[in-house]
Protein backbone atom coordinates (compact mmCIF):
# COMPACT_ATOMS: atom_id res chain seq x y z
CA UNK A 1 0.00 0.00 0.00
CA UNK A 2 2.80 2.44 0.82
CA UNK A 3 4.40 1.83 -2.57
CA UNK A 4 1.22 2.80 -4.40
CA UNK A 5 0.98 6.02 -2.39
CA UNK A 6 4.57 6.93 -3.29
CA UNK A 7 3.78 6.35 -6.97
CA UNK A 8 0.71 8.56 -6.72
CA UNK A 9 2.78 11.30 -5.12
CA UNK A 10 5.38 11.02 -7.85
CA UNK A 11 2.66 11.00 -10.52
CA UNK A 12 1.09 14.15 -9.04
CA UNK A 13 4.47 15.90 -8.86
CA UNK A 14 5.41 14.89 -12.42
CA UNK A 15 2.04 16.06 -13.75
CA UNK A 16 2.68 19.51 -12.34
CA UNK A 17 6.23 19.58 -13.67
CA UNK A 18 5.07 18.45 -17.13
CA UNK A 19 2.45 21.20 -17.22
CA UNK A 20 5.09 23.76 -16.22
CA UNK A 21 7.44 22.42 -18.88
CA UNK A 22 4.69 22.70 -21.48
CA UNK A 23 4.00 26.29 -20.36
CA UNK A 24 7.69 27.12 -20.77
CA UNK A 25 7.55 25.63 -24.28
CA UNK A 26 4.55 27.83 -25.10
CA UNK A 27 6.47 30.87 -23.82
CA UNK A 28 9.39 29.82 -26.02
CA UNK A 29 7.07 29.73 -29.04
CA UNK A 30 5.67 33.16 -28.21
CA UNK A 31 9.10 34.72 -27.79
CA UNK A 32 10.30 33.06 -31.00
CA UNK A 33 7.27 34.39 -32.87
CA UNK A 34 7.84 37.96 -31.69
CA UNK A 35 11.61 37.69 -32.31
CA UNK A 36 12.73 38.27 -28.71
CA UNK A 37 15.98 36.39 -29.18
CA UNK A 38 17.41 36.43 -25.64
CA UNK A 39 14.21 35.22 -24.00
CA UNK A 40 13.69 32.67 -26.78
CA UNK A 41 17.05 31.05 -26.01
CA UNK A 42 16.53 31.22 -22.25
CA UNK A 43 13.16 29.48 -22.53
CA UNK A 44 14.59 26.89 -24.93
CA UNK A 45 17.42 26.06 -22.53
CA UNK A 46 15.04 25.82 -19.59
CA UNK A 47 12.66 23.56 -21.53
CA UNK A 48 15.40 21.21 -22.75
CA UNK A 49 17.29 21.03 -19.45
CA UNK A 50 14.07 20.63 -17.46
CA UNK A 51 12.88 17.79 -19.65
CA UNK A 52 16.29 16.15 -19.54
CA UNK A 53 16.42 16.35 -15.76
CA UNK A 54 12.96 14.84 -15.44
CA UNK A 55 13.86 12.02 -17.82
CA UNK A 56 16.99 11.45 -15.74
CA UNK A 57 14.88 11.35 -12.59
CA UNK A 58 12.55 8.79 -14.15
CA UNK A 59 15.57 6.72 -15.15
CA UNK A 60 17.06 6.89 -11.65
CA UNK A 61 13.78 5.78 -10.07
CA UNK A 62 13.39 2.94 -12.57
CA UNK A 63 10.15 4.32 -14.01
CA UNK A 64 11.47 5.37 -17.42
CA UNK A 65 10.25 2.38 -19.44
CA UNK A 66 7.51 1.02 -17.19
CA UNK A 67 4.09 0.88 -18.78
CA UNK A 68 2.39 2.87 -16.02
CA UNK A 69 4.88 5.75 -16.39
CA UNK A 70 5.15 5.81 -20.16
CA UNK A 71 2.99 8.93 -20.43
CA UNK A 72 5.48 10.87 -18.32
CA UNK A 73 8.42 9.69 -20.42
CA UNK A 74 6.59 10.52 -23.63
CA UNK A 75 5.57 13.97 -22.41
CA UNK A 76 9.03 15.07 -21.35
CA UNK A 77 10.67 13.59 -24.44
CA UNK A 78 8.11 15.33 -26.66
CA UNK A 79 8.76 18.75 -25.12
CA UNK A 80 12.53 18.34 -25.47
CA UNK A 81 12.27 17.04 -29.04
CA UNK A 82 9.83 19.72 -30.16
CA UNK A 83 12.05 22.44 -28.71
CA UNK A 84 15.16 21.03 -30.39
CA UNK A 85 13.47 20.65 -33.77
CA UNK A 86 12.04 24.15 -33.51
CA UNK A 87 15.49 25.57 -32.76
CA UNK A 88 17.12 23.66 -35.60
CA UNK A 89 14.50 24.72 -38.15
CA UNK A 90 14.21 28.27 -36.76
CA UNK A 91 10.46 27.91 -36.63
CA UNK A 92 8.45 29.90 -35.63
CA UNK A 93 10.10 33.08 -36.69
CA UNK A 94 9.12 36.48 -37.97
CA UNK A 95 8.06 36.56 -41.58
PDB file of N, CA and C in Angstrom:
ATOM      1  N   UNK A   1       0.814  -1.195   0.000  1.00  0.00           N
ATOM      2  CA  UNK A   1       0.000   0.000   0.000  1.00  0.00           C
ATOM      3  C   UNK A   1       0.861   1.264   0.000  1.00  0.00           C
ATOM      4  N   UNK A   2       1.939   1.265   0.754  1.00  0.00           N
ATOM      5  CA  UNK A   2       2.799   2.440   0.817  1.00  0.00           C
ATOM      6  C   UNK A   2       3.448   2.713  -0.543  1.00  0.00           C
ATOM      7  N   UNK A   3       3.773   1.654  -1.261  1.00  0.00           N
ATOM      8  CA  UNK A   3       4.405   1.829  -2.572  1.00  0.00           C
ATOM      9  C   UNK A   3       3.455   2.522  -3.546  1.00  0.00           C
ATOM     10  N   UNK A   4       2.202   2.174  -3.522  1.00  0.00           N
ATOM     11  CA  UNK A   4       1.222   2.796  -4.405  1.00  0.00           C
ATOM     12  C   UNK A   4       1.061   4.281  -4.066  1.00  0.00           C
ATOM     13  N   UNK A   5       1.096   4.618  -2.779  1.00  0.00           N
ATOM     14  CA  UNK A   5       0.981   6.015  -2.389  1.00  0.00           C
ATOM     15  C   UNK A   5       2.187   6.822  -2.865  1.00  0.00           C
ATOM     16  N   UNK A   6       3.382   6.226  -2.798  1.00  0.00           N
ATOM     17  CA  UNK A   6       4.566   6.926  -3.294  1.00  0.00           C
ATOM     18  C   UNK A   6       4.470   7.151  -4.799  1.00  0.00           C
ATOM     19  N   UNK A   7       3.938   6.172  -5.519  1.00  0.00           N
ATOM     20  CA  UNK A   7       3.782   6.346  -6.966  1.00  0.00           C
ATOM     21  C   UNK A   7       2.769   7.450  -7.258  1.00  0.00           C
ATOM     22  N   UNK A   8       1.700   7.497  -6.506  1.00  0.00           N
ATOM     23  CA  UNK A   8       0.705   8.555  -6.722  1.00  0.00           C
ATOM     24  C   UNK A   8       1.289   9.929  -6.434  1.00  0.00           C
ATOM     25  N   UNK A   9       2.121  10.022  -5.414  1.00  0.00           N
ATOM     26  CA  UNK A   9       2.776  11.298  -5.120  1.00  0.00           C
ATOM     27  C   UNK A   9       3.715  11.693  -6.259  1.00  0.00           C
ATOM     28  N   UNK A  10       4.479  10.733  -6.752  1.00  0.00           N
ATOM     29  CA  UNK A  10       5.384  11.018  -7.855  1.00  0.00           C
ATOM     30  C   UNK A  10       4.593  11.401  -9.101  1.00  0.00           C
ATOM     31  N   UNK A  11       3.498  10.698  -9.356  1.00  0.00           N
ATOM     32  CA  UNK A  11       2.662  10.995 -10.517  1.00  0.00           C
ATOM     33  C   UNK A  11       2.081  12.406 -10.428  1.00  0.00           C
ATOM     34  N   UNK A  12       1.637  12.808  -9.244  1.00  0.00           N
ATOM     35  CA  UNK A  12       1.088  14.149  -9.042  1.00  0.00           C
ATOM     36  C   UNK A  12       2.171  15.201  -9.265  1.00  0.00           C
ATOM     37  N   UNK A  13       3.362  14.961  -8.720  1.00  0.00           N
ATOM     38  CA  UNK A  13       4.469  15.895  -8.864  1.00  0.00           C
ATOM     39  C   UNK A  13       4.879  16.005 -10.344  1.00  0.00           C
ATOM     40  N   UNK A  14       4.993  14.878 -11.023  1.00  0.00           N
ATOM     41  CA  UNK A  14       5.408  14.891 -12.423  1.00  0.00           C
ATOM     42  C   UNK A  14       4.355  15.530 -13.326  1.00  0.00           C
ATOM     43  N   UNK A  15       3.092  15.395 -12.979  1.00  0.00           N
ATOM     44  CA  UNK A  15       2.038  16.058 -13.750  1.00  0.00           C
ATOM     45  C   UNK A  15       2.211  17.564 -13.687  1.00  0.00           C
ATOM     46  N   UNK A  16       2.467  18.073 -12.496  1.00  0.00           N
ATOM     47  CA  UNK A  16       2.675  19.514 -12.339  1.00  0.00           C
ATOM     48  C   UNK A  16       3.920  19.978 -13.086  1.00  0.00           C
ATOM     49  N   UNK A  17       4.992  19.200 -12.993  1.00  0.00           N
ATOM     50  CA  UNK A  17       6.232  19.576 -13.673  1.00  0.00           C
ATOM     51  C   UNK A  17       6.045  19.536 -15.184  1.00  0.00           C
ATOM     52  N   UNK A  18       5.322  18.541 -15.681  1.00  0.00           N
ATOM     53  CA  UNK A  18       5.073  18.446 -17.127  1.00  0.00           C
ATOM     54  C   UNK A  18       4.236  19.623 -17.618  1.00  0.00           C
ATOM     55  N   UNK A  19       3.247  20.034 -16.842  1.00  0.00           N
ATOM     56  CA  UNK A  19       2.450  21.199 -17.215  1.00  0.00           C
ATOM     57  C   UNK A  19       3.301  22.469 -17.223  1.00  0.00           C
ATOM     58  N   UNK A  20       4.190  22.597 -16.248  1.00  0.00           N
ATOM     59  CA  UNK A  20       5.088  23.758 -16.217  1.00  0.00           C
ATOM     60  C   UNK A  20       6.046  23.729 -17.404  1.00  0.00           C
ATOM     61  N   UNK A  21       6.541  22.558 -17.734  1.00  0.00           N
ATOM     62  CA  UNK A  21       7.441  22.420 -18.880  1.00  0.00           C
ATOM     63  C   UNK A  21       6.718  22.774 -20.175  1.00  0.00           C
ATOM     64  N   UNK A  22       5.481  22.355 -20.292  1.00  0.00           N
ATOM     65  CA  UNK A  22       4.690  22.698 -21.480  1.00  0.00           C
ATOM     66  C   UNK A  22       4.428  24.208 -21.541  1.00  0.00           C
ATOM     67  N   UNK A  23       4.199  24.838 -20.391  1.00  0.00           N
ATOM     68  CA  UNK A  23       3.997  26.288 -20.358  1.00  0.00           C
ATOM     69  C   UNK A  23       5.268  27.020 -20.775  1.00  0.00           C
ATOM     70  N   UNK A  24       6.418  26.515 -20.367  1.00  0.00           N
ATOM     71  CA  UNK A  24       7.690  27.119 -20.774  1.00  0.00           C
ATOM     72  C   UNK A  24       7.870  26.964 -22.283  1.00  0.00           C
ATOM     73  N   UNK A  25       7.475  25.829 -22.828  1.00  0.00           N
ATOM     74  CA  UNK A  25       7.549  25.633 -24.281  1.00  0.00           C
ATOM     75  C   UNK A  25       6.639  26.618 -25.009  1.00  0.00           C
ATOM     76  N   UNK A  26       5.461  26.858 -24.482  1.00  0.00           N
ATOM     77  CA  UNK A  26       4.547  27.834 -25.096  1.00  0.00           C
ATOM     78  C   UNK A  26       5.162  29.234 -25.035  1.00  0.00           C
ATOM     79  N   UNK A  27       5.789  29.582 -23.909  1.00  0.00           N
ATOM     80  CA  UNK A  27       6.471  30.870 -23.822  1.00  0.00           C
ATOM     81  C   UNK A  27       7.614  30.960 -24.833  1.00  0.00           C
ATOM     82  N   UNK A  28       8.333  29.856 -25.007  1.00  0.00           N
ATOM     83  CA  UNK A  28       9.389  29.820 -26.016  1.00  0.00           C
ATOM     84  C   UNK A  28       8.808  30.122 -27.397  1.00  0.00           C
ATOM     85  N   UNK A  29       7.682  29.491 -27.730  1.00  0.00           N
ATOM     86  CA  UNK A  29       7.066  29.726 -29.036  1.00  0.00           C
ATOM     87  C   UNK A  29       6.621  31.173 -29.198  1.00  0.00           C
ATOM     88  N   UNK A  30       6.085  31.762 -28.128  1.00  0.00           N
ATOM     89  CA  UNK A  30       5.666  33.164 -28.208  1.00  0.00           C
ATOM     90  C   UNK A  30       6.856  34.090 -28.403  1.00  0.00           C
ATOM     91  N   UNK A  31       7.922  33.880 -27.639  1.00  0.00           N
ATOM     92  CA  UNK A  31       9.104  34.721 -27.786  1.00  0.00           C
ATOM     93  C   UNK A  31       9.760  34.530 -29.151  1.00  0.00           C
ATOM     94  N   UNK A  32       9.733  33.311 -29.669  1.00  0.00           N
ATOM     95  CA  UNK A  32      10.297  33.063 -30.997  1.00  0.00           C
ATOM     96  C   UNK A  32       9.457  33.746 -32.071  1.00  0.00           C
ATOM     97  N   UNK A  33       8.152  33.759 -31.898  1.00  0.00           N
ATOM     98  CA  UNK A  33       7.270  34.395 -32.873  1.00  0.00           C
ATOM     99  C   UNK A  33       7.493  35.895 -32.925  1.00  0.00           C
ATOM    100  N   UNK A  34       7.666  36.511 -31.753  1.00  0.00           N
ATOM    101  CA  UNK A  34       7.840  37.963 -31.694  1.00  0.00           C
ATOM    102  C   UNK A  34       9.306  38.385 -31.778  1.00  0.00           C
ATOM    103  N   UNK A  35      10.197  37.427 -32.072  1.00  0.00           N
ATOM    104  CA  UNK A  35      11.614  37.687 -32.311  1.00  0.00           C
ATOM    105  C   UNK A  35      12.316  38.332 -31.113  1.00  0.00           C
ATOM    106  N   UNK A  36      12.019  37.852 -29.921  1.00  0.00           N
ATOM    107  CA  UNK A  36      12.730  38.271 -28.710  1.00  0.00           C
ATOM    108  C   UNK A  36      13.798  37.203 -28.475  1.00  0.00           C
ATOM    109  N   UNK A  37      14.966  37.431 -29.060  1.00  0.00           N
ATOM    110  CA  UNK A  37      15.983  36.389 -29.183  1.00  0.00           C
ATOM    111  C   UNK A  37      16.504  35.910 -27.830  1.00  0.00           C
ATOM    112  N   UNK A  38      16.830  36.822 -26.926  1.00  0.00           N
ATOM    113  CA  UNK A  38      17.413  36.429 -25.637  1.00  0.00           C
ATOM    114  C   UNK A  38      16.437  35.561 -24.844  1.00  0.00           C
ATOM    115  N   UNK A  39      15.192  35.993 -24.762  1.00  0.00           N
ATOM    116  CA  UNK A  39      14.208  35.219 -24.005  1.00  0.00           C
ATOM    117  C   UNK A  39      13.872  33.901 -24.703  1.00  0.00           C
ATOM    118  N   UNK A  40      13.924  33.901 -26.021  1.00  0.00           N
ATOM    119  CA  UNK A  40      13.692  32.667 -26.782  1.00  0.00           C
ATOM    120  C   UNK A  40      14.725  31.617 -26.389  1.00  0.00           C
ATOM    121  N   UNK A  41      15.990  31.996 -26.354  1.00  0.00           N
ATOM    122  CA  UNK A  41      17.051  31.046 -26.011  1.00  0.00           C
ATOM    123  C   UNK A  41      16.997  30.639 -24.553  1.00  0.00           C
ATOM    124  N   UNK A  42      16.649  31.563 -23.678  1.00  0.00           N
ATOM    125  CA  UNK A  42      16.528  31.218 -22.250  1.00  0.00           C
ATOM    126  C   UNK A  42      15.416  30.196 -22.045  1.00  0.00           C
ATOM    127  N   UNK A  43      14.271  30.425 -22.672  1.00  0.00           N
ATOM    128  CA  UNK A  43      13.158  29.478 -22.534  1.00  0.00           C
ATOM    129  C   UNK A  43      13.485  28.136 -23.173  1.00  0.00           C
ATOM    130  N   UNK A  44      14.209  28.148 -24.276  1.00  0.00           N
ATOM    131  CA  UNK A  44      14.593  26.891 -24.927  1.00  0.00           C
ATOM    132  C   UNK A  44      15.522  26.087 -24.024  1.00  0.00           C
ATOM    133  N   UNK A  45      16.491  26.756 -23.429  1.00  0.00           N
ATOM    134  CA  UNK A  45      17.423  26.064 -22.532  1.00  0.00           C
ATOM    135  C   UNK A  45      16.695  25.506 -21.322  1.00  0.00           C
ATOM    136  N   UNK A  46      15.801  26.296 -20.754  1.00  0.00           N
ATOM    137  CA  UNK A  46      15.043  25.822 -19.585  1.00  0.00           C
ATOM    138  C   UNK A  46      14.184  24.620 -19.958  1.00  0.00           C
ATOM    139  N   UNK A  47      13.534  24.670 -21.108  1.00  0.00           N
ATOM    140  CA  UNK A  47      12.662  23.558 -21.528  1.00  0.00           C
ATOM    141  C   UNK A  47      13.465  22.286 -21.768  1.00  0.00           C
ATOM    142  N   UNK A  48      14.595  22.399 -22.434  1.00  0.00           N
ATOM    143  CA  UNK A  48      15.397  21.212 -22.749  1.00  0.00           C
ATOM    144  C   UNK A  48      16.044  20.637 -21.494  1.00  0.00           C
ATOM    145  N   UNK A  49      16.637  21.504 -20.675  1.00  0.00           N
ATOM    146  CA  UNK A  49      17.291  21.025 -19.454  1.00  0.00           C
ATOM    147  C   UNK A  49      16.261  20.460 -18.479  1.00  0.00           C
ATOM    148  N   UNK A  50      15.121  21.136 -18.358  1.00  0.00           N
ATOM    149  CA  UNK A  50      14.075  20.635 -17.461  1.00  0.00           C
ATOM    150  C   UNK A  50      13.562  19.271 -17.877  1.00  0.00           C
ATOM    151  N   UNK A  51      13.327  19.088 -19.161  1.00  0.00           N
ATOM    152  CA  UNK A  51      12.876  17.786 -19.654  1.00  0.00           C
ATOM    153  C   UNK A  51      13.946  16.721 -19.465  1.00  0.00           C
ATOM    154  N   UNK A  52      15.190  17.099 -19.728  1.00  0.00           N
ATOM    155  CA  UNK A  52      16.290  16.149 -19.539  1.00  0.00           C
ATOM    156  C   UNK A  52      16.448  15.732 -18.086  1.00  0.00           C
ATOM    157  N   UNK A  53      16.325  16.683 -17.182  1.00  0.00           N
ATOM    158  CA  UNK A  53      16.423  16.352 -15.761  1.00  0.00           C
ATOM    159  C   UNK A  53      15.288  15.436 -15.313  1.00  0.00           C
ATOM    160  N   UNK A  54      14.098  15.698 -15.804  1.00  0.00           N
ATOM    161  CA  UNK A  54      12.959  14.845 -15.440  1.00  0.00           C
ATOM    162  C   UNK A  54      13.106  13.444 -16.026  1.00  0.00           C
ATOM    163  N   UNK A  55      13.610  13.347 -17.245  1.00  0.00           N
ATOM    164  CA  UNK A  55      13.862  12.019 -17.816  1.00  0.00           C
ATOM    165  C   UNK A  55      14.955  11.302 -17.031  1.00  0.00           C
ATOM    166  N   UNK A  56      15.953  12.035 -16.590  1.00  0.00           N
ATOM    167  CA  UNK A  56      16.988  11.452 -15.736  1.00  0.00           C
ATOM    168  C   UNK A  56      16.432  10.977 -14.411  1.00  0.00           C
ATOM    169  N   UNK A  57      15.523  11.751 -13.838  1.00  0.00           N
ATOM    170  CA  UNK A  57      14.884  11.349 -12.591  1.00  0.00           C
ATOM    171  C   UNK A  57      14.067  10.072 -12.776  1.00  0.00           C
ATOM    172  N   UNK A  58      13.327  10.006 -13.882  1.00  0.00           N
ATOM    173  CA  UNK A  58      12.551   8.794 -14.153  1.00  0.00           C
ATOM    174  C   UNK A  58      13.459   7.593 -14.361  1.00  0.00           C
ATOM    175  N   UNK A  59      14.608   7.806 -14.973  1.00  0.00           N
ATOM    176  CA  UNK A  59      15.573   6.719 -15.153  1.00  0.00           C
ATOM    177  C   UNK A  59      16.128   6.265 -13.804  1.00  0.00           C
ATOM    178  N   UNK A  60      16.475   7.220 -12.962  1.00  0.00           N
ATOM    179  CA  UNK A  60      17.057   6.890 -11.653  1.00  0.00           C
ATOM    180  C   UNK A  60      16.059   6.151 -10.755  1.00  0.00           C
ATOM    181  N   UNK A  61      14.786   6.462 -10.883  1.00  0.00           N
ATOM    182  CA  UNK A  61      13.780   5.785 -10.073  1.00  0.00           C
ATOM    183  C   UNK A  61      13.319   4.473 -10.700  1.00  0.00           C
ATOM    184  N   UNK A  62      13.771   4.183 -11.910  1.00  0.00           N
ATOM    185  CA  UNK A  62      13.392   2.942 -12.571  1.00  0.00           C
ATOM    186  C   UNK A  62      12.037   2.986 -13.244  1.00  0.00           C
ATOM    187  N   UNK A  63      11.493   4.164 -13.426  1.00  0.00           N
ATOM    188  CA  UNK A  63      10.153   4.317 -14.013  1.00  0.00           C
ATOM    189  C   UNK A  63      10.183   4.713 -15.482  1.00  0.00           C
ATOM    190  N   UNK A  64      11.357   4.833 -16.064  1.00  0.00           N
ATOM    191  CA  UNK A  64      11.471   5.374 -17.415  1.00  0.00           C
ATOM    192  C   UNK A  64      10.719   4.539 -18.454  1.00  0.00           C
ATOM    193  N   UNK A  65      10.861   3.225 -18.418  1.00  0.00           N
ATOM    194  CA  UNK A  65      10.252   2.375 -19.437  1.00  0.00           C
ATOM    195  C   UNK A  65       9.095   1.530 -18.918  1.00  0.00           C
ATOM    196  N   UNK A  66       8.647   1.777 -17.703  1.00  0.00           N
ATOM    197  CA  UNK A  66       7.508   1.023 -17.189  1.00  0.00           C
ATOM    198  C   UNK A  66       6.227   1.505 -17.847  1.00  0.00           C
ATOM    199  N   UNK A  67       5.326   0.578 -18.056  1.00  0.00           N
ATOM    200  CA  UNK A  67       4.094   0.876 -18.777  1.00  0.00           C
ATOM    201  C   UNK A  67       3.265   1.947 -18.068  1.00  0.00           C
ATOM    202  N   UNK A  68       3.218   1.914 -16.748  1.00  0.00           N
ATOM    203  CA  UNK A  68       2.386   2.873 -16.017  1.00  0.00           C
ATOM    204  C   UNK A  68       2.943   4.292 -16.063  1.00  0.00           C
ATOM    205  N   UNK A  69       4.237   4.431 -16.358  1.00  0.00           N
ATOM    206  CA  UNK A  69       4.876   5.748 -16.388  1.00  0.00           C
ATOM    207  C   UNK A  69       5.243   6.198 -17.788  1.00  0.00           C
ATOM    208  N   UNK A  70       4.783   5.499 -18.780  1.00  0.00           N
ATOM    209  CA  UNK A  70       5.153   5.814 -20.162  1.00  0.00           C
ATOM    210  C   UNK A  70       4.640   7.179 -20.602  1.00  0.00           C
ATOM    211  N   UNK A  71       3.509   7.613 -20.069  1.00  0.00           N
ATOM    212  CA  UNK A  71       2.985   8.926 -20.432  1.00  0.00           C
ATOM    213  C   UNK A  71       3.901  10.044 -19.962  1.00  0.00           C
ATOM    214  N   UNK A  72       4.551   9.860 -18.815  1.00  0.00           N
ATOM    215  CA  UNK A  72       5.485  10.872 -18.320  1.00  0.00           C
ATOM    216  C   UNK A  72       6.715  10.939 -19.224  1.00  0.00           C
ATOM    217  N   UNK A  73       7.244   9.763 -19.552  1.00  0.00           N
ATOM    218  CA  UNK A  73       8.417   9.692 -20.416  1.00  0.00           C
ATOM    219  C   UNK A  73       8.120  10.316 -21.772  1.00  0.00           C
ATOM    220  N   UNK A  74       6.981   9.986 -22.327  1.00  0.00           N
ATOM    221  CA  UNK A  74       6.593  10.518 -23.633  1.00  0.00           C
ATOM    222  C   UNK A  74       6.407  12.029 -23.587  1.00  0.00           C
ATOM    223  N   UNK A  75       5.802  12.529 -22.532  1.00  0.00           N
ATOM    224  CA  UNK A  75       5.567  13.972 -22.405  1.00  0.00           C
ATOM    225  C   UNK A  75       6.856  14.766 -22.337  1.00  0.00           C
ATOM    226  N   UNK A  76       7.776  14.336 -21.478  1.00  0.00           N
ATOM    227  CA  UNK A  76       9.034  15.067 -21.352  1.00  0.00           C
ATOM    228  C   UNK A  76       9.890  14.945 -22.603  1.00  0.00           C
ATOM    229  N   UNK A  77       9.905  13.771 -23.211  1.00  0.00           N
ATOM    230  CA  UNK A  77      10.673  13.586 -24.441  1.00  0.00           C
ATOM    231  C   UNK A  77      10.075  14.435 -25.568  1.00  0.00           C
ATOM    232  N   UNK A  78       8.760  14.541 -25.615  1.00  0.00           N
ATOM    233  CA  UNK A  78       8.108  15.331 -26.663  1.00  0.00           C
ATOM    234  C   UNK A  78       8.445  16.812 -26.535  1.00  0.00           C
ATOM    235  N   UNK A  79       8.431  17.333 -25.315  1.00  0.00           N
ATOM    236  CA  UNK A  79       8.759  18.749 -25.125  1.00  0.00           C
ATOM    237  C   UNK A  79      10.205  19.011 -25.535  1.00  0.00           C
ATOM    238  N   UNK A  80      11.113  18.151 -25.117  1.00  0.00           N
ATOM    239  CA  UNK A  80      12.528  18.341 -25.469  1.00  0.00           C
ATOM    240  C   UNK A  80      12.724  18.230 -26.979  1.00  0.00           C
ATOM    241  N   UNK A  81      12.113  17.240 -27.597  1.00  0.00           N
ATOM    242  CA  UNK A  81      12.269  17.036 -29.037  1.00  0.00           C
ATOM    243  C   UNK A  81      11.648  18.174 -29.842  1.00  0.00           C
ATOM    244  N   UNK A  82      10.472  18.618 -29.444  1.00  0.00           N
ATOM    245  CA  UNK A  82       9.826  19.720 -30.159  1.00  0.00           C
ATOM    246  C   UNK A  82      10.647  21.006 -30.051  1.00  0.00           C
ATOM    247  N   UNK A  83      11.223  21.248 -28.885  1.00  0.00           N
ATOM    248  CA  UNK A  83      12.054  22.439 -28.712  1.00  0.00           C
ATOM    249  C   UNK A  83      13.304  22.355 -29.580  1.00  0.00           C
ATOM    250  N   UNK A  84      13.959  21.196 -29.581  1.00  0.00           N
ATOM    251  CA  UNK A  84      15.165  21.032 -30.390  1.00  0.00           C
ATOM    252  C   UNK A  84      14.878  21.184 -31.886  1.00  0.00           C
ATOM    253  N   UNK A  85      13.825  20.557 -32.349  1.00  0.00           N
ATOM    254  CA  UNK A  85      13.472  20.653 -33.772  1.00  0.00           C
ATOM    255  C   UNK A  85      13.112  22.093 -34.135  1.00  0.00           C
ATOM    256  N   UNK A  86      12.404  22.765 -33.258  1.00  0.00           N
ATOM    257  CA  UNK A  86      12.041  24.154 -33.506  1.00  0.00           C
ATOM    258  C   UNK A  86      13.277  25.047 -33.567  1.00  0.00           C
ATOM    259  N   UNK A  87      14.254  24.791 -32.715  1.00  0.00           N
ATOM    260  CA  UNK A  87      15.494  25.568 -32.756  1.00  0.00           C
ATOM    261  C   UNK A  87      16.276  25.288 -34.033  1.00  0.00           C
ATOM    262  N   UNK A  88      16.363  24.028 -34.409  1.00  0.00           N
ATOM    263  CA  UNK A  88      17.120  23.659 -35.600  1.00  0.00           C
ATOM    264  C   UNK A  88      16.504  24.257 -36.872  1.00  0.00           C
ATOM    265  N   UNK A  89      15.192  24.205 -36.962  1.00  0.00           N
ATOM    266  CA  UNK A  89      14.499  24.716 -38.151  1.00  0.00           C
ATOM    267  C   UNK A  89      14.213  26.208 -38.099  1.00  0.00           C
ATOM    268  N   UNK A  90      14.508  26.845 -36.974  1.00  0.00           N
ATOM    269  CA  UNK A  90      14.214  28.272 -36.762  1.00  0.00           C
ATOM    270  C   UNK A  90      12.740  28.582 -36.998  1.00  0.00           C
ATOM    271  N   UNK A  91      11.901  27.724 -36.489  1.00  0.00           N
ATOM    272  CA  UNK A  91      10.461  27.906 -36.631  1.00  0.00           C
ATOM    273  C   UNK A  91       9.851  27.956 -35.255  1.00  0.00           C
ATOM    274  N   UNK A  92       8.998  28.792 -34.853  1.00  0.00           N
ATOM    275  CA  UNK A  92       8.449  29.899 -35.627  1.00  0.00           C
ATOM    276  C   UNK A  92       9.424  31.070 -35.633  1.00  0.00           C
ATOM    277  N   UNK A  93       9.264  31.898 -36.580  1.00  0.00           N
ATOM    278  CA  UNK A  93      10.097  33.077 -36.689  1.00  0.00           C
ATOM    279  C   UNK A  93       9.318  34.175 -37.379  1.00  0.00           C
ATOM    280  N   UNK A  94       9.835  35.392 -37.303  1.00  0.00           N
ATOM    281  CA  UNK A  94       9.122  36.485 -37.971  1.00  0.00           C
ATOM    282  C   UNK A  94       9.183  36.321 -39.488  1.00  0.00           C
ATOM    283  N   UNK A  95       8.118  36.704 -40.123  1.00  0.00           N
ATOM    284  CA  UNK A  95       8.059  36.564 -41.581  1.00  0.00           C
ATOM    285  C   UNK A  95       8.128  37.894 -42.254  1.00  0.00           C
TER     286      UNK A  95
END
